[in-house]
């Protein structure tokens, strides 16, 4: 039977499986609700009926006793207050009589007979009671009717007490008959809930094995295929629904795609070999071209460059172009200084001469937008500083500080000798740097000194490393503020013995 149900389940479509699962769960929930309602009705509603019948019978006994007492008081005293209270008691008794259960199927033979007797006697009693209360002379007939009312009240009270006793006994008997079943109800509810849980779990396992697990395996296989792994194991499923068809198609597509990828890979490897040979040929040709270019460059003698500039300067002098002559002379000096200065240190005067020639060319270039001033309070001929100290600093001030500033600006170079040290300040009133850029620049300079980074400006990093290598207490600090300008402060003194000896 179990195997037969499994075969039927495998042949169902996904929509039919979900519909079957939903229907079974819905029926189990309805059955659970029905069982709960039946339990409440069996254990509480019937018990409520028993309690209600007992209360109605007890209420009728109390009302009848109260009416009898007030009737006697009203007859004895004849007061209006007693007559009013009696009227209220009569209304309550009438209401209690109307609430007495009068259903043979529900009350049983004994209680039904007592109720029938009470209802018939109560009608006769009401007629006699109203006749006596109507007043009149106290004749023998009045007295006979009065005592007849007293007798009827006694009979009604007796019947009411018997009805209450019979109702209570009947209720106890009925409750005792249901007690065993009420005691078994919790056990039955627990068993049903266990059955409900078991059925739901089995259905969930069927859904998981036939729908959820294959979908998860498909997702995992798709993820591996996306990572170019086409050799994953085939997905196994026994379902014959749409998902089973999808799994079969997926396995076929995986194999076909894998074979196609292998063919493409082999083709790519062949093309790589071909391209490698072509690249090697191109590299050889490029090296040959580079060798030819180096050969041409080596043939250009620096003296030819200097001599040519001097000839052009001489021609400019003959033609009366003093500014052009001065620009050529400044450029010639710069080339000669940059290409033919092997010393590690030169005089301060020579470095300042380079700065003046360089700034003269820049002033010509920017048309007076950029100016400079030099404040040197030491003997420039006797003081020696590292080669190429000023030009990179001045060039950075122009490129990064003043060139992008529309109104241009000024560069100040100040040299002081303090406590045996040469202190140099190169300041500009250009665009400056924000705090984050300045912090990053300082960090890169420190890291470049240790060889960890190689991304800072070549000029700055070169000066920074040479100052710290050549001077034991040499320092270089950079200060800048956005929109204000930049200051580079260098102090040199206490040369290291190895460098000094080498120089």
Protein backbone atom coordinates (compact mmCIF):
# COMPACT_ATOMS: atom_id res chain seq x y z
CA UNK A 1 0.00 0.00 0.00
CA UNK A 2 2.81 2.34 0.94
CA UNK A 3 4.75 1.62 -2.26
CA UNK A 4 1.59 2.08 -4.32
CA UNK A 5 1.02 5.53 -2.77
CA UNK A 6 4.64 6.49 -3.50
CA UNK A 7 4.27 5.50 -7.15
CA UNK A 8 1.09 7.56 -7.43
CA UNK A 9 2.86 10.54 -5.80
CA UNK A 10 5.77 10.35 -8.26
CA UNK A 11 3.44 10.53 -11.25
CA UNK A 12 1.61 13.62 -9.99
CA UNK A 13 2.44 17.01 -11.43
CA UNK A 14 3.83 19.75 -9.17
CA UNK A 15 0.53 21.62 -9.13
CA UNK A 16 -1.31 18.41 -8.19
CA UNK A 17 1.21 17.66 -5.42
CA UNK A 18 0.82 21.09 -3.89
CA UNK A 19 -2.95 20.87 -4.21
CA UNK A 20 -3.00 17.42 -2.55
CA UNK A 21 -0.77 18.61 0.27
CA UNK A 22 -2.95 21.68 0.86
CA UNK A 23 -6.17 19.63 0.77
CA UNK A 24 -4.93 17.03 3.26
CA UNK A 25 -3.63 19.66 5.66
CA UNK A 26 -6.92 21.57 5.35
CA UNK A 27 -8.93 18.41 6.12
CA UNK A 28 -6.74 17.65 9.12
CA UNK A 29 -7.27 21.18 10.41
CA UNK A 30 -11.05 20.87 9.92
CA UNK A 31 -11.01 17.54 11.76
CA UNK A 32 -9.03 19.11 14.56
CA UNK A 33 -11.54 21.98 14.81
CA UNK A 34 -14.46 19.54 14.78
CA UNK A 35 -12.88 17.48 17.55
CA UNK A 36 -12.27 20.61 19.62
CA UNK A 37 -15.89 21.79 19.18
CA UNK A 38 -17.22 18.33 20.05
CA UNK A 39 -15.04 18.23 23.15
CA UNK A 40 -16.32 21.60 24.31
CA UNK A 41 -19.93 20.59 23.62
CA UNK A 42 -19.56 17.21 25.31
CA UNK A 43 -17.67 18.39 28.38
CA UNK A 44 -18.93 21.93 28.91
CA UNK A 45 -22.24 22.53 27.11
CA UNK A 46 -24.03 19.45 28.56
CA UNK A 47 -22.64 20.26 31.98
CA UNK A 48 -23.94 23.81 31.57
CA UNK A 49 -27.44 22.43 30.79
CA UNK A 50 -27.36 20.32 34.00
CA UNK A 51 -26.31 23.31 36.09
CA UNK A 52 -28.98 25.51 34.47
CA UNK A 53 -31.77 22.98 35.21
CA UNK A 54 -30.63 22.71 38.82
CA UNK A 55 -30.52 26.48 39.17
CA UNK A 56 -34.02 26.92 37.66
CA UNK A 57 -35.52 24.33 40.04
CA UNK A 58 -33.75 25.88 43.03
CA UNK A 59 -34.90 29.36 42.00
CA UNK A 60 -38.52 28.17 41.77
CA UNK A 61 -38.33 26.73 45.31
CA UNK A 62 -37.00 30.02 46.71
CA UNK A 63 -39.56 32.13 44.83
CA UNK A 64 -42.43 29.90 45.99
CA UNK A 65 -41.31 30.08 49.63
CA UNK A 66 -40.93 33.85 49.44
CA UNK A 67 -44.37 34.26 47.83
CA UNK A 68 -46.03 32.06 50.48
CA UNK A 69 -44.47 34.05 53.32
CA UNK A 70 -45.42 37.42 51.83
CA UNK A 71 -48.97 36.12 51.08
CA UNK A 72 -49.49 35.24 54.74
CA UNK A 73 -48.09 38.61 55.86
CA UNK A 74 -50.34 40.50 53.47
CA UNK A 75 -53.47 38.57 54.62
CA UNK A 76 -52.58 39.03 58.27
CA UNK A 77 -51.71 42.75 58.23
CA UNK A 78 -53.62 44.02 55.20
CA UNK A 79 -51.00 46.76 54.67
CA UNK A 80 -50.35 48.27 51.28
CA UNK A 81 -46.55 47.80 51.60
CA UNK A 82 -46.99 44.08 52.18
CA UNK A 83 -49.36 43.90 49.20
CA UNK A 84 -46.74 45.65 46.98
CA UNK A 85 -43.93 43.26 48.02
CA UNK A 86 -46.28 40.35 47.39
CA UNK A 87 -46.87 41.62 43.84
CA UNK A 88 -43.11 41.60 43.17
CA UNK A 89 -42.81 38.08 44.59
CA UNK A 90 -45.69 36.84 42.42
CA UNK A 91 -43.94 38.21 39.29
CA UNK A 92 -40.68 36.48 40.20
CA UNK A 93 -42.47 33.19 40.85
CA UNK A 94 -44.27 33.40 37.52
CA UNK A 95 -40.98 34.00 35.72
CA UNK A 96 -39.38 31.07 37.53
CA UNK A 97 -42.28 28.79 36.51
CA UNK A 98 -41.91 29.85 32.87
CA UNK A 99 -38.20 28.91 32.97
CA UNK A 100 -38.85 25.36 34.19
CA UNK A 101 -37.63 22.84 31.54
CA UNK A 102 -40.61 21.18 29.89
CA UNK A 103 -39.01 18.85 27.34
CA UNK A 104 -39.47 15.14 27.77
CA UNK A 105 -36.38 14.27 25.67
CA UNK A 106 -34.11 16.50 27.73
CA UNK A 107 -35.53 16.15 31.27
CA UNK A 108 -36.61 12.53 31.40
CA UNK A 109 -39.87 10.93 32.55
CA UNK A 110 -39.69 11.72 36.28
CA UNK A 111 -38.75 15.38 35.98
CA UNK A 112 -41.22 15.88 33.13
CA UNK A 113 -44.07 14.47 35.30
CA UNK A 114 -43.16 16.72 38.24
CA UNK A 115 -42.98 19.76 35.97
CA UNK A 116 -46.36 18.93 34.41
CA UNK A 117 -47.99 18.64 37.87
CA UNK A 118 -46.44 21.95 38.96
CA UNK A 119 -47.64 23.78 35.84
CA UNK A 120 -51.25 22.49 36.17
CA UNK A 121 -51.43 23.16 39.90
CA UNK A 122 -49.84 26.60 39.51
CA UNK A 123 -52.63 27.69 37.14
CA UNK A 124 -55.35 26.66 39.64
CA UNK A 125 -53.33 28.19 42.46
CA UNK A 126 -53.10 31.52 40.64
CA UNK A 127 -56.90 31.65 40.23
CA UNK A 128 -57.57 30.88 43.93
CA UNK A 129 -54.83 33.30 45.07
CA UNK A 130 -56.17 36.14 42.97
CA UNK A 131 -59.71 35.43 44.23
CA UNK A 132 -58.60 35.66 47.85
CA UNK A 133 -56.51 38.75 47.22
CA UNK A 134 -59.52 40.37 45.56
CA UNK A 135 -60.90 40.91 49.07
CA UNK A 136 -64.48 40.85 50.14
CA UNK A 137 -66.17 39.84 53.36
CA UNK A 138 -64.59 37.10 55.38
CA UNK A 139 -67.32 34.58 54.87
CA UNK A 140 -67.07 30.84 55.23
CA UNK A 141 -66.37 30.56 51.52
CA UNK A 142 -63.55 33.14 51.76
CA UNK A 143 -62.01 31.22 54.64
CA UNK A 144 -62.30 27.95 52.71
CA UNK A 145 -60.59 29.49 49.67
CA UNK A 146 -57.84 30.98 51.86
CA UNK A 147 -56.93 27.67 53.42
CA UNK A 148 -57.16 26.01 50.05
CA UNK A 149 -54.53 28.54 48.82
CA UNK A 150 -52.35 27.68 51.82
CA UNK A 151 -52.64 24.01 50.95
CA UNK A 152 -51.77 24.62 47.29
CA UNK A 153 -48.72 26.67 48.33
CA UNK A 154 -47.57 23.76 50.46
CA UNK A 155 -48.09 21.28 47.66
CA UNK A 156 -46.26 23.53 45.18
CA UNK A 157 -43.31 23.85 47.56
CA UNK A 158 -43.19 20.11 48.05
CA UNK A 159 -43.35 19.48 44.30
CA UNK A 160 -40.70 22.15 43.71
CA UNK A 161 -38.33 20.52 46.22
CA UNK A 162 -38.95 17.11 44.71
CA UNK A 163 -38.31 18.54 41.24
CA UNK A 164 -35.07 20.11 42.43
CA UNK A 165 -33.99 16.83 44.02
CA UNK A 166 -34.89 14.78 40.94
CA UNK A 167 -33.16 17.29 38.64
CA UNK A 168 -30.01 17.20 40.75
CA UNK A 169 -30.02 13.39 40.84
CA UNK A 170 -30.58 13.22 37.09
CA UNK A 171 -27.75 15.70 36.48
CA UNK A 172 -25.37 13.77 38.74
CA UNK A 173 -26.28 10.56 36.96
CA UNK A 174 -25.75 12.05 33.51
CA UNK A 175 -22.44 13.65 34.54
CA UNK A 176 -21.22 10.36 36.04
CA UNK A 177 -22.01 8.66 32.74
CA UNK A 178 -19.89 11.23 30.85
CA UNK A 179 -17.06 11.33 33.39
CA UNK A 180 -15.08 8.47 31.89
CA UNK A 181 -15.30 9.96 28.45
CA UNK A 182 -14.26 13.39 29.79
CA UNK A 183 -11.23 11.80 31.44
CA UNK A 184 -10.27 10.17 28.12
CA UNK A 185 -10.62 13.35 26.09
CA UNK A 186 -7.10 14.76 26.85
CA UNK A 187 -5.58 11.43 25.82
CA UNK A 188 -7.63 11.39 22.62
CA UNK A 189 -6.66 14.98 21.83
CA UNK A 190 -2.95 14.23 22.36
CA UNK A 191 -3.19 11.14 20.14
CA UNK A 192 -4.94 13.11 17.42
CA UNK A 193 -2.36 15.91 17.57
CA UNK A 194 0.42 13.33 17.27
CA UNK A 195 -1.36 11.83 14.28
CA UNK A 196 -1.78 15.30 12.77
CA UNK A 197 1.94 16.04 13.32
CA UNK A 198 2.97 12.67 11.85
CA UNK A 199 0.84 13.11 8.73
CA UNK A 200 2.05 16.69 8.20
CA UNK A 201 5.67 15.64 8.63
CA UNK A 202 5.34 12.79 6.14
CA UNK A 203 3.71 15.08 3.61
CA UNK A 204 6.47 17.67 4.16
CA UNK A 205 9.12 14.99 3.62
CA UNK A 206 7.46 13.99 0.36
CA UNK A 207 7.37 17.60 -0.82
CA UNK A 208 10.98 18.09 0.26
CA UNK A 209 12.26 14.99 -1.52
CA UNK A 210 10.27 15.57 -4.71
CA UNK A 211 10.46 19.39 -5.05
CA UNK A 212 12.71 21.23 -2.57
CA UNK A 213 15.78 18.95 -2.68
CA UNK A 214 15.96 18.79 -6.51
CA UNK A 215 15.60 22.57 -6.71
CA UNK A 216 18.44 23.05 -4.18
CA UNK A 217 20.63 20.58 -6.10
CA UNK A 218 19.86 22.47 -9.31
CA UNK A 219 20.84 25.76 -7.66
CA UNK A 220 24.11 24.29 -6.33
CA UNK A 221 24.97 22.74 -9.70
CA UNK A 222 24.18 26.05 -11.44
CA UNK A 223 26.50 27.90 -9.04
CA UNK A 224 29.35 25.48 -9.83
CA UNK A 225 28.71 25.78 -13.57
CA UNK A 226 28.83 29.59 -13.16
CA UNK A 227 32.34 29.02 -11.72
CA UNK A 228 33.26 27.05 -14.90
CA UNK A 229 32.99 23.66 -13.20
CA UNK A 230 31.06 21.54 -15.72
CA UNK A 231 32.04 18.20 -14.19
CA UNK A 232 29.59 18.14 -11.29
CA UNK A 233 27.68 14.93 -10.64
CA UNK A 234 24.32 14.41 -12.33
CA UNK A 235 21.28 15.42 -10.32
CA UNK A 236 19.19 12.41 -9.29
CA UNK A 237 15.43 12.53 -8.96
CA UNK A 238 12.66 9.92 -9.16
CA UNK A 239 9.88 12.40 -9.84
CA UNK A 240 8.09 12.21 -13.15
CA UNK A 241 6.66 15.71 -12.94
CA UNK A 242 7.85 18.93 -14.58
CA UNK A 243 10.80 19.12 -12.16
CA UNK A 244 11.95 15.66 -13.17
CA UNK A 245 11.83 16.68 -16.83
CA UNK A 246 13.79 19.84 -15.95
CA UNK A 247 16.48 17.79 -14.17
CA UNK A 248 16.89 15.47 -17.17
CA UNK A 249 17.15 18.45 -19.54
CA UNK A 250 19.64 20.15 -17.18
CA UNK A 251 21.92 17.09 -17.10
CA UNK A 252 21.91 16.89 -20.90
CA UNK A 253 22.60 20.62 -21.24
CA UNK A 254 25.46 20.34 -18.71
CA UNK A 255 27.16 17.60 -20.73
CA UNK A 256 26.67 19.44 -24.02
CA UNK A 257 27.96 22.73 -22.59
CA UNK A 258 30.96 20.97 -21.02
CA UNK A 259 31.94 19.42 -24.33
CA UNK A 260 31.56 22.78 -26.07
CA UNK A 261 33.68 24.51 -23.42
CA UNK A 262 36.41 21.84 -23.80
CA UNK A 263 36.49 22.41 -27.55
CA UNK A 264 36.73 26.18 -27.00
CA UNK A 265 39.50 25.67 -24.44
CA UNK A 266 41.55 23.58 -26.84
CA UNK A 267 41.05 26.20 -29.52
CA UNK A 268 42.10 28.93 -27.07
CA UNK A 269 45.29 27.09 -26.16
CA UNK A 270 46.15 26.74 -29.84
CA UNK A 271 45.49 30.45 -30.38
CA UNK A 272 47.60 31.29 -27.32
CA UNK A 273 50.55 29.40 -28.79
CA UNK A 274 50.09 31.22 -32.07
CA UNK A 275 49.84 34.62 -30.36
CA UNK A 276 52.88 33.84 -28.18
CA UNK A 277 54.96 33.28 -31.30
CA UNK A 278 53.63 36.48 -32.84
CA UNK A 279 54.33 38.46 -29.65
CA UNK A 280 57.86 37.11 -29.52
CA UNK A 281 58.44 38.32 -33.06
CA UNK A 282 57.01 41.74 -32.19
CA UNK A 283 59.19 41.94 -29.06
CA UNK A 284 62.32 41.16 -31.07
CA UNK A 285 61.41 43.85 -33.61
CA UNK A 286 60.75 46.33 -30.77
CA UNK A 287 64.15 45.62 -29.22
CA UNK A 288 65.79 46.19 -32.56
CA UNK A 289 63.96 49.49 -32.97
CA UNK A 290 64.96 50.51 -29.41
CA UNK A 291 68.60 49.67 -30.12
CA UNK A 292 68.51 51.78 -33.26
CA UNK A 293 66.95 54.68 -31.33
CA UNK A 294 69.56 54.42 -28.56
CA UNK A 295 72.25 54.41 -31.20
CA UNK A 296 70.84 57.62 -32.68
CA UNK A 297 70.57 59.22 -29.24
CA UNK A 298 74.15 58.28 -28.34
CA UNK A 299 75.30 60.03 -31.44
CA UNK A 300 73.98 63.35 -30.16
CA UNK A 301 76.80 64.74 -28.02
CA UNK A 302 75.76 66.97 -25.08
CA UNK A 303 78.50 69.39 -26.21
CA UNK A 304 76.64 69.67 -29.54
CA UNK A 305 73.51 70.77 -27.56
CA UNK A 306 75.42 73.34 -25.51
CA UNK A 307 77.37 74.64 -28.54
CA UNK A 308 74.15 74.93 -30.55
CA UNK A 309 72.48 76.93 -27.78
CA UNK A 310 75.53 79.20 -27.57
CA UNK A 311 75.43 79.74 -31.34
CA UNK A 312 71.72 80.61 -31.14
CA UNK A 313 72.48 82.97 -28.26
CA UNK A 314 75.22 84.63 -30.31
CA UNK A 315 72.85 85.09 -33.24
CA UNK A 316 70.24 86.61 -30.93
CA UNK A 317 72.89 89.06 -29.65
CA UNK A 318 73.78 90.06 -33.20
CA UNK A 319 70.10 90.61 -33.98
CA UNK A 320 69.58 92.68 -30.83
CA UNK A 321 67.19 90.24 -29.13
CA UNK A 322 68.54 90.59 -25.60
CA UNK A 323 65.60 88.81 -23.93
CA UNK A 324 65.88 85.85 -26.28
CA UNK A 325 69.63 85.76 -25.69
CA UNK A 326 69.14 85.75 -21.93
CA UNK A 327 66.51 82.97 -22.15
CA UNK A 328 68.89 80.85 -24.26
CA UNK A 329 71.74 81.47 -21.88
CA UNK A 330 69.57 80.52 -18.89
CA UNK A 331 68.37 77.37 -20.63
CA UNK A 332 71.93 76.47 -21.63
CA UNK A 333 73.12 76.88 -18.04
CA UNK A 334 70.27 74.71 -16.78
CA UNK A 335 71.06 71.93 -19.28
CA UNK A 336 74.77 72.09 -18.47
CA UNK A 337 74.05 72.02 -14.73
CA UNK A 338 71.61 69.11 -14.98
CA UNK A 339 73.67 67.00 -17.38
CA UNK A 340 77.23 67.74 -16.30
CA UNK A 341 77.18 68.16 -12.52
CA UNK A 342 78.61 64.99 -10.96
CA UNK A 343 79.15 66.49 -7.48
CA UNK A 344 76.86 65.49 -4.61
CA UNK A 345 77.15 68.96 -3.10
CA UNK A 346 77.60 72.37 -4.68
CA UNK A 347 77.81 75.88 -3.35
CA UNK A 348 74.65 77.67 -2.30
CA UNK A 349 75.50 80.44 -4.77
CA UNK A 350 75.52 77.97 -7.66
CA UNK A 351 72.15 76.51 -6.60
CA UNK A 352 70.68 80.00 -6.35
CA UNK A 353 72.00 80.78 -9.84
CA UNK A 354 70.06 77.73 -11.12
CA UNK A 355 66.93 79.00 -9.37
CA UNK A 356 67.25 82.46 -10.90
CA UNK A 357 67.74 81.06 -14.42
CA UNK A 358 64.84 78.67 -13.98
CA UNK A 359 62.52 81.38 -12.57
CA UNK A 360 63.54 83.77 -15.38
CA UNK A 361 62.31 81.20 -17.92
CA UNK A 362 59.10 80.65 -15.91
CA UNK A 363 58.46 84.40 -15.68
CA UNK A 364 58.80 84.60 -19.44
CA UNK A 365 56.43 81.66 -19.80
CA UNK A 366 53.70 82.97 -17.47
CA UNK A 367 54.01 86.61 -18.50
CA UNK A 368 54.59 88.06 -15.06
CA UNK A 369 51.82 86.09 -13.29
CA UNK A 370 54.47 84.31 -11.22
CA UNK A 371 57.14 86.19 -9.29
CA UNK A 372 59.80 85.17 -6.79
CA UNK A 373 62.10 86.62 -4.15
CA UNK A 374 65.24 85.31 -2.48
CA UNK A 375 66.17 86.26 1.09
CA UNK A 376 69.63 84.81 1.83
CA UNK A 377 71.39 85.89 5.04
CA UNK A 378 74.51 83.72 4.84
CA UNK A 379 77.68 83.56 2.71
CA UNK A 380 76.39 81.74 -0.38
CA UNK A 381 79.92 81.06 -1.68
CA UNK A 382 81.09 79.26 1.46
CA UNK A 383 77.95 77.26 2.23
CA UNK A 384 77.51 73.98 0.38
CA UNK A 385 74.22 72.12 0.01
CA UNK A 386 73.11 68.96 -1.85
CA UNK A 387 72.90 69.28 -5.63
CA UNK A 388 69.45 69.90 -7.17
CA UNK A 389 67.85 71.07 -3.90
CA UNK A 390 65.99 74.18 -5.02
CA UNK A 391 64.82 73.47 -8.57
CA UNK A 392 62.49 70.50 -7.69
CA UNK A 393 60.94 72.51 -4.84
CA UNK A 394 60.40 75.60 -6.99
CA UNK A 395 59.08 73.47 -9.86
CA UNK A 396 56.55 71.77 -7.52
CA UNK A 397 55.46 75.18 -6.20
CA UNK A 398 54.74 76.36 -9.76
CA UNK A 399 53.10 73.18 -11.09
CA UNK A 400 51.01 72.23 -8.03
CA UNK A 401 50.54 75.61 -6.37
CA UNK A 402 50.58 78.57 -8.77
CA UNK A 403 49.98 77.34 -12.35
CA UNK A 404 46.28 76.58 -11.75
CA UNK A 405 45.75 79.86 -9.89
CA UNK A 406 44.39 82.41 -12.34
CA UNK A 407 45.97 85.46 -10.71
CA UNK A 408 49.30 83.65 -10.25
CA UNK A 409 51.36 84.21 -7.10
CA UNK A 410 54.75 84.57 -5.50
CA UNK A 411 57.49 82.15 -4.41
CA UNK A 412 59.69 83.06 -1.45
CA UNK A 413 63.09 81.43 -0.85
CA UNK A 414 64.62 82.18 2.53
CA UNK A 415 68.01 80.88 3.77
CA UNK A 416 69.25 81.25 7.37
CA UNK A 417 72.21 79.83 9.30
CA UNK A 418 71.33 78.94 12.89
CA UNK A 419 73.31 76.97 15.47
CA UNK A 420 75.60 75.59 12.79
CA UNK A 421 72.72 74.46 10.55
CA UNK A 422 71.51 75.78 7.22
CA UNK A 423 67.73 76.27 7.24
CA UNK A 424 65.95 76.72 3.91
CA UNK A 425 62.31 77.71 3.43
CA UNK A 426 60.53 77.55 0.06
CA UNK A 427 57.03 79.00 0.34
CA UNK A 428 54.29 79.85 -2.16
CA UNK A 429 50.86 81.43 -1.87
CA UNK A 430 49.24 78.98 -4.30
CA UNK A 431 46.18 76.75 -3.98
CA UNK A 432 47.65 74.67 -1.14
CA UNK A 433 46.45 71.25 0.06
CA UNK A 434 43.70 70.06 2.38
CA UNK A 435 44.58 68.20 5.58
CA UNK A 436 43.85 64.75 4.15
CA UNK A 437 46.11 65.28 1.09
CA UNK A 438 48.87 66.72 3.29
CA UNK A 439 48.62 63.79 5.72
CA UNK A 440 48.79 61.29 2.85
CA UNK A 441 51.84 63.06 1.33
CA UNK A 442 53.71 63.02 4.65
CA UNK A 443 52.90 59.34 5.13
CA UNK A 444 54.12 58.45 1.62
CA UNK A 445 57.39 60.31 2.21
CA UNK A 446 58.00 58.37 5.41
CA UNK A 447 57.18 55.06 3.71
CA UNK A 448 59.38 55.85 0.72
CA UNK A 449 62.28 56.49 3.07
CA UNK A 450 61.95 52.89 4.29
CA UNK A 451 61.41 51.56 0.75
CA UNK A 452 57.75 50.56 1.27
CA UNK A 453 56.21 52.84 -1.39
CA UNK A 454 57.32 54.41 -4.65
CA UNK A 455 54.43 56.67 -5.63
CA UNK A 456 55.35 60.14 -4.37
CA UNK A 457 56.73 62.97 -6.53
CA UNK A 458 60.21 62.01 -7.71
CA UNK A 459 61.67 65.45 -6.82
CA UNK A 460 60.25 65.58 -3.29
CA UNK A 461 61.08 61.98 -2.45
CA UNK A 462 64.63 62.37 -3.84
CA UNK A 463 65.31 65.47 -1.72
CA UNK A 464 63.69 63.88 1.35
CA UNK A 465 65.82 60.73 1.14
CA UNK A 466 69.08 62.60 0.36
CA UNK A 467 68.63 65.01 3.30
CA UNK A 468 68.12 62.12 5.74
CA UNK A 469 70.97 60.08 4.24
CA UNK A 470 73.56 62.90 4.07
CA UNK A 471 72.82 64.67 7.37
CA UNK A 472 72.51 63.00 10.74
CA UNK A 473 70.02 65.57 12.04
CA UNK A 474 68.64 66.63 8.66
CA UNK A 475 64.90 67.32 8.51
CA UNK A 476 62.34 68.18 5.88
CA UNK A 477 58.82 69.31 6.84
CA UNK A 478 55.87 70.25 4.64
CA UNK A 479 53.09 72.59 5.78
CA UNK A 480 50.08 73.51 3.67
CA UNK A 481 46.55 74.85 3.89
CA UNK A 482 43.88 74.88 1.23
CA UNK A 483 43.57 78.33 -0.37
CA UNK A 484 46.55 79.72 1.60
CA UNK A 485 49.66 78.07 0.20
CA UNK A 486 52.45 75.58 0.92
CA UNK A 487 55.74 75.80 2.88
CA UNK A 488 58.65 73.36 2.63
CA UNK A 489 61.17 73.72 5.49
CA UNK A 490 64.60 72.01 5.28
CA UNK A 491 67.35 72.02 7.94
CA UNK A 492 70.81 70.59 7.22
CA UNK A 493 73.71 70.13 9.65
CA UNK A 494 75.94 67.56 11.36
CA UNK A 495 76.95 65.70 8.22
CA UNK A 496 77.32 61.94 8.42
CA UNK A 497 80.98 60.88 8.34
CA UNK A 498 80.55 58.44 5.48
CA UNK A 499 78.94 61.00 3.23
CA UNK A 500 81.29 63.78 4.16
CA UNK A 501 84.28 61.64 3.53
CA UNK A 502 82.87 60.53 0.21
CA UNK A 503 82.11 64.08 -0.90
